[in-house]
């Protein structure tokens, strides 16, 4: 199996921006040169497991979050994420969200 380094880099960039961090700030926090963060985010270089762990910890995300499309058995990750989102919803909110999901699922399947 091959790792999609470009997809990995895009996710790292997305999480970095969500955390309002610059490449320099992430590099400093993860003990990685900012230029290497740039290369990783562009998918121009392979990233070692220790570096990936430092980046994940710095971004406060799991390796599953970063490697989602490269992990074959990842359905549980999505289910757990949905569970966290729905945990504090009222019955009314759950019903509304279920309808939204049904509609979105239908649209997605039509699109694909």
Protein backbone atom coordinates (compact mmCIF):
# COMPACT_ATOMS: atom_id res chain seq x y z
CA UNK A 1 0.00 0.00 0.00
CA UNK A 2 1.21 3.49 -0.84
CA UNK A 3 0.75 6.55 1.30
CA UNK A 4 -0.82 9.55 -0.42
CA UNK A 5 1.65 12.19 0.73
CA UNK A 6 -0.20 15.00 -1.03
CA UNK A 7 -3.47 14.17 0.76
CA UNK A 8 -1.54 13.87 4.03
CA UNK A 9 0.07 17.27 3.44
CA UNK A 10 -3.28 18.89 2.67
CA UNK A 11 -4.74 17.55 5.92
CA UNK A 12 -1.74 18.79 7.90
CA UNK A 13 -2.13 22.23 6.31
CA UNK A 14 -5.85 22.23 7.04
CA UNK A 15 -5.37 21.30 10.71
CA UNK A 16 -2.55 23.84 11.01
CA UNK A 17 -4.76 26.61 9.68
CA UNK A 18 -7.64 25.49 11.92
CA UNK A 19 -5.23 25.93 14.84
CA UNK A 20 -4.28 29.40 13.52
CA UNK A 21 -0.65 28.40 13.21
CA UNK A 22 1.96 29.39 10.67
CA UNK A 23 4.34 26.85 9.22
CA UNK A 24 7.05 28.38 11.40
CA UNK A 25 4.94 27.99 14.54
CA UNK A 26 4.12 24.37 13.73
CA UNK A 27 7.76 23.70 12.92
CA UNK A 28 8.88 25.18 16.22
CA UNK A 29 6.29 23.27 18.21
CA UNK A 30 7.05 19.97 16.45
CA UNK A 31 10.82 20.54 16.32
CA UNK A 32 10.75 20.45 12.51
CA UNK A 33 12.28 23.04 10.20
CA UNK A 34 9.60 25.31 8.71
CA UNK A 35 10.93 24.50 5.23
CA UNK A 36 10.29 20.82 5.97
CA UNK A 37 6.71 21.65 7.05
CA UNK A 38 6.28 23.36 3.67
CA UNK A 39 7.64 20.30 1.83
CA UNK A 40 5.41 17.97 3.85
CA UNK A 41 2.30 20.08 3.22
CA UNK A 42 2.99 20.08 -0.53
CA UNK A 43 3.55 16.33 -0.51
CA UNK A 44 7.02 16.94 -1.92
CA UNK A 45 8.76 14.81 0.69
CA UNK A 46 8.10 11.66 2.64
CA UNK A 47 7.63 12.17 6.35
CA UNK A 48 8.99 9.80 8.97
CA UNK A 49 6.74 8.27 11.60
CA UNK A 50 8.45 10.11 14.50
CA UNK A 51 8.02 13.44 12.67
CA UNK A 52 4.41 12.64 11.85
CA UNK A 53 3.73 11.86 15.52
CA UNK A 54 5.33 15.18 16.57
CA UNK A 55 3.19 17.04 14.02
CA UNK A 56 0.00 15.25 15.11
CA UNK A 57 0.72 16.02 18.76
CA UNK A 58 1.47 19.65 17.95
CA UNK A 59 -1.81 19.94 16.06
CA UNK A 60 -3.68 18.02 18.79
CA UNK A 61 -5.01 15.45 16.30
CA UNK A 62 -4.64 11.70 16.04
CA UNK A 63 -2.58 9.88 13.46
CA UNK A 64 -5.90 8.44 12.25
CA UNK A 65 -7.02 11.99 11.47
CA UNK A 66 -3.92 12.60 9.38
CA UNK A 67 -3.74 9.20 7.68
CA UNK A 68 -7.47 8.67 7.22
CA UNK A 69 -7.44 7.78 3.51
CA UNK A 70 -4.39 5.53 3.87
CA UNK A 71 -5.87 3.34 6.59
CA UNK A 72 -7.92 0.47 5.18
CA UNK A 73 -9.99 -0.10 8.28
CA UNK A 74 -11.15 3.42 9.01
CA UNK A 75 -14.94 3.16 9.25
CA UNK A 76 -14.73 3.15 13.06
CA UNK A 77 -12.94 6.51 12.93
CA UNK A 78 -15.91 8.12 11.18
CA UNK A 79 -18.46 6.50 13.47
CA UNK A 80 -16.57 7.67 16.56
CA UNK A 81 -16.35 11.22 15.15
CA UNK A 82 -20.09 11.26 14.42
CA UNK A 83 -20.75 9.97 17.94
CA UNK A 84 -18.73 12.85 19.42
CA UNK A 85 -20.64 15.37 17.32
CA UNK A 86 -24.07 13.97 18.22
CA UNK A 87 -23.37 13.28 21.90
CA UNK A 88 -25.10 16.36 23.31
CA UNK A 89 -27.90 16.75 20.74
CA UNK A 90 -31.53 16.85 21.78
CA UNK A 91 -34.03 14.41 20.24
CA UNK A 92 -35.28 17.19 17.96
CA UNK A 93 -31.76 17.97 16.79
CA UNK A 94 -31.04 14.27 16.19
CA UNK A 95 -34.16 13.93 14.03
CA UNK A 96 -33.25 17.01 12.00
CA UNK A 97 -29.67 15.85 11.54
CA UNK A 98 -30.84 12.38 10.49
CA UNK A 99 -32.95 13.96 7.74
CA UNK A 100 -30.04 16.13 6.65
CA UNK A 101 -27.78 13.08 6.50
CA UNK A 102 -30.29 11.12 4.43
CA UNK A 103 -30.54 13.96 1.95
CA UNK A 104 -26.78 14.48 1.84
CA UNK A 105 -26.16 10.74 1.37
CA UNK A 106 -28.61 10.63 -1.53
CA UNK A 107 -26.98 13.65 -3.16
CA UNK A 108 -23.51 12.19 -2.65
CA UNK A 109 -24.46 8.90 -4.27
CA UNK A 110 -26.05 10.73 -7.19
CA UNK A 111 -22.88 12.78 -7.59
CA UNK A 112 -20.53 9.79 -7.43
